[in-house]
Amino acid sequence: MINNQNLPSPQYSSLEELRQRKEELRGMINADQQRAATLWKELFHKPSQPTGFLGGGGQIVKTSMGIIDGMILGWKLWRKFKGR
């Protein structure tokens, strides 16, 4: 538990000063909540990746290279074992 006895208590002379302080505190609380929400989103949400030809890791390029590699391997194996 926090001991608040050492903190100076603000002195308000009117209800208007109290309302102004309340609005200041409410604004500070809202700013803290927005900052916490932003940090939470950055921490736990995956950043979006671009889509398209090279977006998302270049999936089309990877697939194409795999197909070409398979064709070259098949051609080499066919030449090696073609009928000896």
N, C-alpha and C. Protein backbone atom coordinates (compact mmCIF):
# COMPACT_ATOMS: atom_id res chain seq x y z
N MET A 1 0.83 -1.17 0.00
CA MET A 1 0.00 0.00 0.00
C MET A 1 0.88 1.24 0.00
N ILE A 2 0.50 2.23 -0.73
CA ILE A 2 1.28 3.45 -0.85
C ILE A 2 0.89 4.44 0.25
N ASN A 3 1.90 5.03 0.87
CA ASN A 3 1.66 6.00 1.93
C ASN A 3 1.59 7.39 1.30
N ASN A 4 0.44 8.01 1.30
CA ASN A 4 0.24 9.33 0.70
C ASN A 4 0.35 10.47 1.71
N GLN A 5 0.78 10.20 2.90
CA GLN A 5 0.84 11.24 3.92
C GLN A 5 1.93 12.26 3.64
N ASN A 6 2.99 11.90 2.93
CA ASN A 6 4.09 12.81 2.66
C ASN A 6 3.85 13.70 1.45
N LEU A 7 2.86 13.37 0.64
CA LEU A 7 2.58 14.16 -0.55
C LEU A 7 1.76 15.40 -0.19
N PRO A 8 2.13 16.54 -0.75
CA PRO A 8 1.32 17.73 -0.45
C PRO A 8 -0.03 17.63 -1.14
N SER A 9 -1.08 17.98 -0.44
CA SER A 9 -2.41 17.95 -1.02
C SER A 9 -2.70 19.30 -1.66
N PRO A 10 -3.23 19.30 -2.87
CA PRO A 10 -3.52 20.58 -3.53
C PRO A 10 -4.68 21.30 -2.85
N GLN A 11 -4.59 22.59 -2.83
CA GLN A 11 -5.64 23.40 -2.23
C GLN A 11 -6.49 24.02 -3.35
N TYR A 12 -7.77 23.77 -3.31
CA TYR A 12 -8.69 24.32 -4.30
C TYR A 12 -9.59 25.33 -3.61
N SER A 13 -9.76 26.48 -4.26
CA SER A 13 -10.60 27.51 -3.66
C SER A 13 -12.00 27.57 -4.25
N SER A 14 -12.20 26.84 -5.36
CA SER A 14 -13.54 26.84 -5.96
C SER A 14 -13.79 25.50 -6.66
N LEU A 15 -15.06 25.28 -6.95
CA LEU A 15 -15.42 24.07 -7.67
C LEU A 15 -14.88 24.09 -9.10
N GLU A 16 -14.75 25.25 -9.69
CA GLU A 16 -14.23 25.37 -11.06
C GLU A 16 -12.78 24.89 -11.13
N GLU A 17 -11.96 25.24 -10.14
CA GLU A 17 -10.57 24.76 -10.11
C GLU A 17 -10.53 23.24 -9.97
N LEU A 18 -11.44 22.71 -9.17
CA LEU A 18 -11.52 21.26 -8.98
C LEU A 18 -11.93 20.58 -10.29
N ARG A 19 -12.89 21.16 -11.01
CA ARG A 19 -13.31 20.61 -12.31
C ARG A 19 -12.17 20.64 -13.33
N GLN A 20 -11.43 21.76 -13.33
CA GLN A 20 -10.30 21.86 -14.26
C GLN A 20 -9.25 20.79 -13.96
N ARG A 21 -8.97 20.59 -12.70
CA ARG A 21 -7.99 19.55 -12.32
C ARG A 21 -8.50 18.17 -12.70
N LYS A 22 -9.79 17.95 -12.54
CA LYS A 22 -10.39 16.67 -12.90
C LYS A 22 -10.24 16.42 -14.41
N GLU A 23 -10.47 17.44 -15.21
CA GLU A 23 -10.32 17.31 -16.66
C GLU A 23 -8.86 17.07 -17.05
N GLU A 24 -7.93 17.74 -16.37
CA GLU A 24 -6.51 17.50 -16.62
C GLU A 24 -6.14 16.05 -16.34
N LEU A 25 -6.60 15.56 -15.20
CA LEU A 25 -6.31 14.17 -14.84
C LEU A 25 -6.95 13.19 -15.81
N ARG A 26 -8.18 13.49 -16.24
CA ARG A 26 -8.87 12.62 -17.19
C ARG A 26 -8.10 12.58 -18.52
N GLY A 27 -7.59 13.73 -18.95
CA GLY A 27 -6.79 13.78 -20.18
C GLY A 27 -5.50 12.97 -20.05
N MET A 28 -4.86 13.07 -18.88
CA MET A 28 -3.64 12.30 -18.65
C MET A 28 -3.93 10.80 -18.65
N ILE A 29 -5.04 10.41 -18.04
CA ILE A 29 -5.42 9.00 -18.00
C ILE A 29 -5.70 8.49 -19.41
N ASN A 30 -6.44 9.27 -20.21
CA ASN A 30 -6.74 8.85 -21.59
C ASN A 30 -5.46 8.73 -22.41
N ALA A 31 -4.52 9.65 -22.23
CA ALA A 31 -3.26 9.57 -22.97
C ALA A 31 -2.48 8.32 -22.57
N ASP A 32 -2.48 7.99 -21.29
CA ASP A 32 -1.80 6.78 -20.83
C ASP A 32 -2.47 5.52 -21.38
N GLN A 33 -3.80 5.53 -21.43
CA GLN A 33 -4.51 4.37 -21.97
C GLN A 33 -4.20 4.18 -23.46
N GLN A 34 -4.15 5.27 -24.21
CA GLN A 34 -3.83 5.16 -25.63
C GLN A 34 -2.40 4.67 -25.83
N ARG A 35 -1.48 5.16 -25.02
CA ARG A 35 -0.09 4.72 -25.12
C ARG A 35 0.02 3.23 -24.78
N ALA A 36 -0.70 2.78 -23.74
CA ALA A 36 -0.67 1.37 -23.36
C ALA A 36 -1.28 0.51 -24.47
N ALA A 37 -2.35 0.97 -25.09
CA ALA A 37 -2.97 0.22 -26.19
C ALA A 37 -2.03 0.11 -27.38
N THR A 38 -1.32 1.19 -27.68
CA THR A 38 -0.37 1.17 -28.78
C THR A 38 0.77 0.20 -28.50
N LEU A 39 1.31 0.25 -27.29
CA LEU A 39 2.39 -0.66 -26.94
C LEU A 39 1.93 -2.11 -26.95
N TRP A 40 0.70 -2.37 -26.50
CA TRP A 40 0.15 -3.72 -26.51
C TRP A 40 0.03 -4.23 -27.93
N LYS A 41 -0.46 -3.37 -28.83
CA LYS A 41 -0.62 -3.78 -30.22
C LYS A 41 0.73 -4.08 -30.86
N GLU A 42 1.73 -3.24 -30.59
CA GLU A 42 3.06 -3.47 -31.14
C GLU A 42 3.68 -4.76 -30.60
N LEU A 43 3.36 -5.09 -29.36
CA LEU A 43 3.97 -6.25 -28.72
C LEU A 43 3.34 -7.56 -29.17
N PHE A 44 2.04 -7.61 -29.31
CA PHE A 44 1.36 -8.88 -29.52
C PHE A 44 0.74 -9.08 -30.90
N HIS A 45 0.72 -8.08 -31.76
CA HIS A 45 0.12 -8.25 -33.07
C HIS A 45 1.19 -8.31 -34.14
N LYS A 46 0.98 -9.20 -35.08
CA LYS A 46 1.92 -9.39 -36.17
C LYS A 46 1.81 -8.21 -37.14
N PRO A 47 2.92 -7.66 -37.57
CA PRO A 47 2.83 -6.58 -38.56
C PRO A 47 2.34 -7.12 -39.90
N SER A 48 1.56 -6.33 -40.60
CA SER A 48 1.04 -6.78 -41.88
C SER A 48 2.15 -6.80 -42.91
N GLN A 49 2.11 -7.82 -43.77
CA GLN A 49 3.12 -7.96 -44.80
C GLN A 49 2.53 -7.55 -46.14
N PRO A 50 3.35 -6.98 -47.01
CA PRO A 50 2.83 -6.57 -48.32
C PRO A 50 2.45 -7.79 -49.15
N THR A 51 1.49 -7.60 -50.04
CA THR A 51 1.06 -8.67 -50.91
C THR A 51 1.46 -8.33 -52.34
N GLY A 52 1.35 -9.28 -53.21
CA GLY A 52 1.68 -9.04 -54.61
C GLY A 52 2.76 -9.99 -55.08
N PHE A 53 3.47 -9.59 -56.13
CA PHE A 53 4.45 -10.47 -56.75
C PHE A 53 5.57 -10.86 -55.79
N LEU A 54 6.17 -9.89 -55.12
CA LEU A 54 7.25 -10.20 -54.18
C LEU A 54 6.82 -10.03 -52.73
N GLY A 55 5.57 -9.72 -52.49
CA GLY A 55 5.09 -9.55 -51.13
C GLY A 55 4.95 -10.88 -50.43
N GLY A 56 5.03 -10.86 -49.13
CA GLY A 56 4.87 -12.08 -48.35
C GLY A 56 6.02 -13.04 -48.54
N GLY A 57 7.20 -12.56 -48.82
CA GLY A 57 8.36 -13.44 -48.95
C GLY A 57 8.60 -13.91 -50.36
N GLY A 58 7.91 -13.36 -51.33
CA GLY A 58 8.14 -13.75 -52.73
C GLY A 58 7.71 -15.18 -52.99
N GLN A 59 6.51 -15.55 -52.60
CA GLN A 59 6.03 -16.92 -52.71
C GLN A 59 6.05 -17.42 -54.15
N ILE A 60 5.71 -16.58 -55.10
CA ILE A 60 5.71 -17.00 -56.51
C ILE A 60 7.12 -17.32 -56.96
N VAL A 61 8.08 -16.49 -56.55
CA VAL A 61 9.47 -16.71 -56.93
C VAL A 61 9.98 -18.01 -56.31
N LYS A 62 9.66 -18.25 -55.06
CA LYS A 62 10.10 -19.48 -54.39
C LYS A 62 9.52 -20.71 -55.07
N THR A 63 8.24 -20.67 -55.40
CA THR A 63 7.60 -21.80 -56.06
C THR A 63 8.21 -22.05 -57.44
N SER A 64 8.44 -20.97 -58.17
CA SER A 64 9.03 -21.11 -59.50
C SER A 64 10.42 -21.72 -59.43
N MET A 65 11.23 -21.27 -58.49
CA MET A 65 12.58 -21.82 -58.34
C MET A 65 12.53 -23.29 -57.95
N GLY A 66 11.57 -23.68 -57.14
CA GLY A 66 11.42 -25.09 -56.77
C GLY A 66 11.06 -25.95 -57.97
N ILE A 67 10.18 -25.45 -58.82
CA ILE A 67 9.79 -26.19 -60.03
C ILE A 67 10.98 -26.33 -60.97
N ILE A 68 11.72 -25.25 -61.17
CA ILE A 68 12.90 -25.29 -62.05
C ILE A 68 13.94 -26.24 -61.49
N ASP A 69 14.18 -26.22 -60.20
CA ASP A 69 15.15 -27.11 -59.57
C ASP A 69 14.72 -28.57 -59.75
N GLY A 70 13.43 -28.84 -59.60
CA GLY A 70 12.94 -30.21 -59.81
C GLY A 70 13.11 -30.67 -61.24
N MET A 71 12.88 -29.77 -62.18
CA MET A 71 13.04 -30.13 -63.60
C MET A 71 14.51 -30.43 -63.92
N ILE A 72 15.42 -29.64 -63.39
CA ILE A 72 16.85 -29.87 -63.64
C ILE A 72 17.27 -31.20 -63.01
N LEU A 73 16.82 -31.49 -61.81
CA LEU A 73 17.14 -32.77 -61.17
C LEU A 73 16.59 -33.94 -61.99
N GLY A 74 15.35 -33.82 -62.45
CA GLY A 74 14.78 -34.89 -63.29
C GLY A 74 15.57 -35.09 -64.57
N TRP A 75 15.98 -34.01 -65.21
CA TRP A 75 16.76 -34.11 -66.45
C TRP A 75 18.11 -34.79 -66.19
N LYS A 76 18.79 -34.43 -65.08
CA LYS A 76 20.07 -35.05 -64.75
C LYS A 76 19.90 -36.54 -64.46
N LEU A 77 18.85 -36.89 -63.71
CA LEU A 77 18.61 -38.31 -63.41
C LEU A 77 18.25 -39.08 -64.68
N TRP A 78 17.48 -38.50 -65.58
CA TRP A 78 17.09 -39.16 -66.81
C TRP A 78 18.32 -39.41 -67.69
N ARG A 79 19.23 -38.43 -67.76
CA ARG A 79 20.46 -38.59 -68.54
C ARG A 79 21.34 -39.68 -67.95
N LYS A 80 21.38 -39.78 -66.61
CA LYS A 80 22.24 -40.75 -65.98
C LYS A 80 21.72 -42.17 -66.14
N PHE A 81 20.41 -42.36 -66.05
CA PHE A 81 19.82 -43.71 -66.07
C PHE A 81 18.97 -43.96 -67.31
N LYS A 82 19.22 -43.33 -68.45
CA LYS A 82 18.31 -43.38 -69.58
C LYS A 82 18.28 -44.71 -70.33
N GLY A 83 19.07 -45.62 -70.04
CA GLY A 83 18.93 -46.89 -70.74
C GLY A 83 20.22 -47.66 -70.83
N ARG A 84 21.06 -47.44 -69.95
CA ARG A 84 22.32 -48.19 -69.99
C ARG A 84 22.14 -49.59 -69.54
